[in-house]
Amino acid sequence: MRTRRVTLATLLPVFLVLVTVPATPARAAVSPPAPVVSATC
């Protein structure tokens, strides 16, 4: 059960980033994805 919670907690932010990055191409072009990945990690 704990593994399921950990997986959800890990997948939720990743899914949000994946949905937000393509939704904002202008922002992605202005700022490289490197800081986004660092902030997520």
PDB file of N, CA and C in Angstrom:
ATOM      1  N   MET A   1       0.839  -1.211   0.000  1.00  0.00           N
ATOM      2  CA  MET A   1       0.000   0.000   0.000  1.00  0.00           C
ATOM      3  C   MET A   1       0.874   1.261   0.000  1.00  0.00           C
ATOM      4  N   ARG A   2       1.936   1.202   0.777  1.00  0.00           N
ATOM      5  CA  ARG A   2       2.815   2.377   0.837  1.00  0.00           C
ATOM      6  C   ARG A   2       3.452   2.645  -0.517  1.00  0.00           C
ATOM      7  N   THR A   3       3.824   1.565  -1.205  1.00  0.00           N
ATOM      8  CA  THR A   3       4.450   1.740  -2.523  1.00  0.00           C
ATOM      9  C   THR A   3       3.484   2.434  -3.467  1.00  0.00           C
ATOM     10  N   ARG A   4       2.212   2.126  -3.345  1.00  0.00           N
ATOM     11  CA  ARG A   4       1.223   2.759  -4.223  1.00  0.00           C
ATOM     12  C   ARG A   4       1.166   4.257  -3.950  1.00  0.00           C
ATOM     13  N   ARG A   5       1.192   4.628  -2.688  1.00  0.00           N
ATOM     14  CA  ARG A   5       1.143   6.055  -2.339  1.00  0.00           C
ATOM     15  C   ARG A   5       2.393   6.764  -2.850  1.00  0.00           C
ATOM     16  N   VAL A   6       3.527   6.116  -2.686  1.00  0.00           N
ATOM     17  CA  VAL A   6       4.783   6.715  -3.151  1.00  0.00           C
ATOM     18  C   VAL A   6       4.759   6.880  -4.665  1.00  0.00           C
ATOM     19  N   THR A   7       4.235   5.883  -5.356  1.00  0.00           N
ATOM     20  CA  THR A   7       4.181   5.958  -6.825  1.00  0.00           C
ATOM     21  C   THR A   7       3.278   7.101  -7.257  1.00  0.00           C
ATOM     22  N   LEU A   8       2.125   7.237  -6.609  1.00  0.00           N
ATOM     23  CA  LEU A   8       1.191   8.310  -6.954  1.00  0.00           C
ATOM     24  C   LEU A   8       1.831   9.668  -6.676  1.00  0.00           C
ATOM     25  N   ALA A   9       2.480   9.795  -5.530  1.00  0.00           N
ATOM     26  CA  ALA A   9       3.118  11.057  -5.164  1.00  0.00           C
ATOM     27  C   ALA A   9       4.232  11.404  -6.147  1.00  0.00           C
ATOM     28  N   THR A  10       4.876  10.378  -6.718  1.00  0.00           N
ATOM     29  CA  THR A  10       5.962  10.622  -7.669  1.00  0.00           C
ATOM     30  C   THR A  10       5.428  10.906  -9.068  1.00  0.00           C
ATOM     31  N   LEU A  11       4.339  10.233  -9.425  1.00  0.00           N
ATOM     32  CA  LEU A  11       3.802  10.380 -10.780  1.00  0.00           C
ATOM     33  C   LEU A  11       2.994  11.667 -10.923  1.00  0.00           C
ATOM     34  N   LEU A  12       2.341  12.099  -9.868  1.00  0.00           N
ATOM     35  CA  LEU A  12       1.504  13.309  -9.941  1.00  0.00           C
ATOM     36  C   LEU A  12       2.304  14.528 -10.398  1.00  0.00           C
ATOM     37  N   PRO A  13       3.405  14.896  -9.725  1.00  0.00           N
ATOM     38  CA  PRO A  13       4.189  16.053 -10.182  1.00  0.00           C
ATOM     39  C   PRO A  13       4.763  15.868 -11.579  1.00  0.00           C
ATOM     40  N   VAL A  14       5.195  14.654 -11.893  1.00  0.00           N
ATOM     41  CA  VAL A  14       5.753  14.391 -13.226  1.00  0.00           C
ATOM     42  C   VAL A  14       4.673  14.583 -14.292  1.00  0.00           C
ATOM     43  N   PHE A  15       3.482  14.062 -14.003  1.00  0.00           N
ATOM     44  CA  PHE A  15       2.373  14.200 -14.949  1.00  0.00           C
ATOM     45  C   PHE A  15       2.007  15.673 -15.117  1.00  0.00           C
ATOM     46  N   LEU A  16       1.992  16.415 -14.013  1.00  0.00           N
ATOM     47  CA  LEU A  16       1.670  17.848 -14.075  1.00  0.00           C
ATOM     48  C   LEU A  16       2.691  18.576 -14.937  1.00  0.00           C
ATOM     49  N   VAL A  17       3.965  18.251 -14.765  1.00  0.00           N
ATOM     50  CA  VAL A  17       5.022  18.901 -15.560  1.00  0.00           C
ATOM     51  C   VAL A  17       4.851  18.560 -17.036  1.00  0.00           C
ATOM     52  N   LEU A  18       4.596  17.284 -17.318  1.00  0.00           N
ATOM     53  CA  LEU A  18       4.434  16.859 -18.717  1.00  0.00           C
ATOM     54  C   LEU A  18       3.251  17.558 -19.364  1.00  0.00           C
ATOM     55  N   VAL A  19       2.208  17.830 -18.589  1.00  0.00           N
ATOM     56  CA  VAL A  19       1.017  18.494 -19.133  1.00  0.00           C
ATOM     57  C   VAL A  19       1.250  19.998 -19.242  1.00  0.00           C
ATOM     58  N   THR A  20       2.027  20.558 -18.309  1.00  0.00           N
ATOM     59  CA  THR A  20       2.235  22.010 -18.294  1.00  0.00           C
ATOM     60  C   THR A  20       3.263  22.442 -19.339  1.00  0.00           C
ATOM     61  N   VAL A  21       4.308  21.635 -19.541  1.00  0.00           N
ATOM     62  CA  VAL A  21       5.377  22.009 -20.488  1.00  0.00           C
ATOM     63  C   VAL A  21       4.823  22.199 -21.902  1.00  0.00           C
ATOM     64  N   PRO A  22       4.120  21.205 -22.469  1.00  0.00           N
ATOM     65  CA  PRO A  22       3.579  21.393 -23.826  1.00  0.00           C
ATOM     66  C   PRO A  22       2.478  22.446 -23.867  1.00  0.00           C
ATOM     67  N   ALA A  23       1.787  22.648 -22.752  1.00  0.00           N
ATOM     68  CA  ALA A  23       0.703  23.643 -22.712  1.00  0.00           C
ATOM     69  C   ALA A  23       1.282  25.051 -22.826  1.00  0.00           C
ATOM     70  N   THR A  24       2.554  25.226 -22.406  1.00  0.00           N
ATOM     71  CA  THR A  24       3.185  26.548 -22.482  1.00  0.00           C
ATOM     72  C   THR A  24       4.468  26.465 -23.308  1.00  0.00           C
ATOM     73  N   PRO A  25       4.347  26.403 -24.644  1.00  0.00           N
ATOM     74  CA  PRO A  25       5.546  26.320 -25.491  1.00  0.00           C
ATOM     75  C   PRO A  25       6.375  27.598 -25.438  1.00  0.00           C
ATOM     76  N   ALA A  26       5.707  28.731 -25.303  1.00  0.00           N
ATOM     77  CA  ALA A  26       6.437  30.003 -25.249  1.00  0.00           C
ATOM     78  C   ALA A  26       7.318  30.040 -23.999  1.00  0.00           C
ATOM     79  N   ARG A  27       6.769  29.617 -22.887  1.00  0.00           N
ATOM     80  CA  ARG A  27       7.537  29.631 -21.644  1.00  0.00           C
ATOM     81  C   ARG A  27       8.704  28.648 -21.741  1.00  0.00           C
ATOM     82  N   ALA A  28       8.462  27.486 -22.347  1.00  0.00           N
ATOM     83  CA  ALA A  28       9.515  26.484 -22.485  1.00  0.00           C
ATOM     84  C   ALA A  28      10.640  27.012 -23.382  1.00  0.00           C
ATOM     85  N   ALA A  29      10.265  27.810 -24.395  1.00  0.00           N
ATOM     86  CA  ALA A  29      11.273  28.355 -25.305  1.00  0.00           C
ATOM     87  C   ALA A  29      12.090  29.438 -24.602  1.00  0.00           C
ATOM     88  N   VAL A  30      11.426  30.214 -23.740  1.00  0.00           N
ATOM     89  CA  VAL A  30      12.131  31.286 -23.022  1.00  0.00           C
ATOM     90  C   VAL A  30      13.069  30.691 -21.976  1.00  0.00           C
ATOM     91  N   SER A  31      12.562  29.737 -21.191  1.00  0.00           N
ATOM     92  CA  SER A  31      13.378  29.113 -20.145  1.00  0.00           C
ATOM     93  C   SER A  31      13.650  27.665 -20.503  1.00  0.00           C
ATOM     94  N   PRO A  32      14.903  27.243 -20.460  1.00  0.00           N
ATOM     95  CA  PRO A  32      15.252  25.858 -20.798  1.00  0.00           C
ATOM     96  C   PRO A  32      14.644  24.890 -19.798  1.00  0.00           C
ATOM     97  N   PRO A  33      14.460  23.618 -20.199  1.00  0.00           N
ATOM     98  CA  PRO A  33      13.854  22.627 -19.312  1.00  0.00           C
ATOM     99  C   PRO A  33      14.774  22.183 -18.178  1.00  0.00           C
ATOM    100  N   ALA A  34      16.044  22.577 -18.224  1.00  0.00           N
ATOM    101  CA  ALA A  34      16.986  22.172 -17.180  1.00  0.00           C
ATOM    102  C   ALA A  34      16.530  22.632 -15.792  1.00  0.00           C
ATOM    103  N   PRO A  35      16.208  23.917 -15.591  1.00  0.00           N
ATOM    104  CA  PRO A  35      15.767  24.361 -14.255  1.00  0.00           C
ATOM    105  C   PRO A  35      14.458  23.702 -13.841  1.00  0.00           C
ATOM    106  N   VAL A  36      13.602  23.405 -14.805  1.00  0.00           N
ATOM    107  CA  VAL A  36      12.335  22.753 -14.478  1.00  0.00           C
ATOM    108  C   VAL A  36      12.595  21.369 -13.901  1.00  0.00           C
ATOM    109  N   VAL A  37      13.528  20.637 -14.525  1.00  0.00           N
ATOM    110  CA  VAL A  37      13.858  19.293 -14.046  1.00  0.00           C
ATOM    111  C   VAL A  37      14.507  19.374 -12.666  1.00  0.00           C
ATOM    112  N   SER A  38      15.368  20.364 -12.467  1.00  0.00           N
ATOM    113  CA  SER A  38      16.039  20.514 -11.175  1.00  0.00           C
ATOM    114  C   SER A  38      15.026  20.843 -10.088  1.00  0.00           C
ATOM    115  N   ALA A  39      14.063  21.696 -10.404  1.00  0.00           N
ATOM    116  CA  ALA A  39      13.033  22.071  -9.431  1.00  0.00           C
ATOM    117  C   ALA A  39      12.178  20.860  -9.086  1.00  0.00           C
ATOM    118  N   THR A  40      11.912  20.018 -10.098  1.00  0.00           N
ATOM    119  CA  THR A  40      11.084  18.836  -9.851  1.00  0.00           C
ATOM    120  C   THR A  40      11.832  17.842  -8.974  1.00  0.00           C
ATOM    121  N   CYS A  41      13.120  17.678  -9.245  1.00  0.00           N
ATOM    122  CA  CYS A  41      13.906  16.724  -8.449  1.00  0.00           C
ATOM    123  C   CYS A  41      14.156  17.308  -7.069  1.00  0.00           C
TER     124      CYS A  41
END
